[in-house]
Amino acid sequence: MSDTPVTEMSFEAAMAELEHVVAKLERGDVPLDASIALYERGAELKARCEAKLKEAEEKVAAITLNGEGQPAGTTPVEGL
């Protein structure tokens, strides 16, 4: 596991670590206490990935197009 706080991880870093956590848990060769810690870390990583995806979706939704269908700017997310 990474020492990086989950709240500071990029989507890609969180997803890679989440995949690693899931693989370890699926193998079933981790002691119970370690499994619980892995599960908790996995839950944090999952939440981080979901938050980053939502953030990206909001940014894409805020892109405005001109009359020709080309990106013309953005609108504030609050205005959506």
Protein backbone atom coordinates (compact mmCIF):
# COMPACT_ATOMS: atom_id res chain seq x y z
CA MET A 1 0.00 0.00 0.00
CA SER A 2 1.03 3.52 -0.70
CA ASP A 3 1.87 5.98 2.07
CA THR A 4 0.17 8.74 0.08
CA PRO A 5 -3.03 9.98 1.74
CA VAL A 6 -6.02 8.91 -0.36
CA THR A 7 -7.26 12.51 -0.53
CA GLU A 8 -4.07 13.51 -2.38
CA MET A 9 -4.12 10.69 -4.95
CA SER A 10 -4.91 11.12 -8.61
CA PHE A 11 -7.66 8.98 -10.09
CA GLU A 12 -5.09 6.75 -11.78
CA ALA A 13 -3.04 6.22 -8.61
CA ALA A 14 -6.14 5.47 -6.54
CA MET A 15 -7.46 3.03 -9.14
CA ALA A 16 -4.13 1.21 -9.39
CA GLU A 17 -3.90 0.83 -5.63
CA LEU A 18 -7.55 -0.25 -5.43
CA GLU A 19 -6.86 -2.99 -7.99
CA HIS A 20 -3.89 -4.12 -5.89
CA VAL A 21 -6.01 -4.18 -2.72
CA VAL A 22 -8.76 -6.20 -4.43
CA ALA A 23 -6.21 -8.71 -5.78
CA LYS A 24 -4.76 -9.23 -2.29
CA LEU A 25 -8.19 -9.71 -0.76
CA GLU A 26 -9.26 -12.11 -3.50
CA ARG A 27 -6.20 -14.30 -2.93
CA GLY A 28 -7.40 -14.87 0.63
CA ASP A 29 -3.92 -15.35 2.07
CA VAL A 30 -3.95 -12.18 4.18
CA PRO A 31 -4.48 -12.43 7.96
CA LEU A 32 -7.85 -11.20 9.26
CA ASP A 33 -6.55 -7.94 10.79
CA ALA A 34 -4.67 -7.09 7.61
CA SER A 35 -7.76 -7.96 5.54
CA ILE A 36 -9.84 -5.52 7.56
CA ALA A 37 -7.24 -2.77 7.07
CA LEU A 38 -7.09 -3.54 3.34
CA TYR A 39 -10.87 -3.44 3.08
CA GLU A 40 -10.99 -0.05 4.82
CA ARG A 41 -8.26 1.32 2.53
CA GLY A 42 -10.12 -0.10 -0.46
CA ALA A 43 -13.33 1.67 0.61
CA GLU A 44 -11.43 4.98 0.85
CA LEU A 45 -9.84 4.42 -2.56
CA LYS A 46 -13.21 3.57 -4.12
CA ALA A 47 -14.71 6.77 -2.72
CA ARG A 48 -11.77 8.79 -4.09
CA CYS A 49 -12.18 7.25 -7.56
CA GLU A 50 -15.91 8.00 -7.53
CA ALA A 51 -15.29 11.60 -6.45
CA LYS A 52 -12.67 12.15 -9.16
CA LEU A 53 -15.01 10.67 -11.81
CA LYS A 54 -17.86 12.92 -10.67
CA GLU A 55 -15.52 15.92 -10.83
CA ALA A 56 -14.50 14.98 -14.39
CA GLU A 57 -18.14 14.49 -15.44
CA GLU A 58 -19.03 17.94 -14.11
CA LYS A 59 -16.17 19.51 -16.05
CA VAL A 60 -17.26 17.79 -19.27
CA ALA A 61 -20.88 18.82 -18.68
CA ALA A 62 -19.75 22.43 -18.28
CA ILE A 63 -18.18 22.60 -21.75
CA THR A 64 -20.28 24.74 -24.07
CA LEU A 65 -20.38 24.37 -27.85
CA ASN A 66 -20.68 27.08 -30.47
CA GLY A 67 -23.09 26.99 -33.43
CA GLU A 68 -20.74 24.68 -35.33
CA GLY A 69 -20.54 22.18 -32.48
CA GLN A 70 -17.01 23.18 -31.51
CA PRO A 71 -16.01 23.76 -27.86
CA ALA A 72 -16.48 27.46 -27.17
CA GLY A 73 -15.81 27.69 -23.45
CA THR A 74 -17.18 26.52 -20.18
CA THR A 75 -20.01 27.44 -17.90
CA PRO A 76 -19.65 27.34 -14.13
CA VAL A 77 -20.75 24.02 -12.67
CA GLU A 78 -22.98 25.91 -10.22
CA GLY A 79 -24.94 27.23 -13.20
CA LEU A 80 -25.86 23.78 -14.47
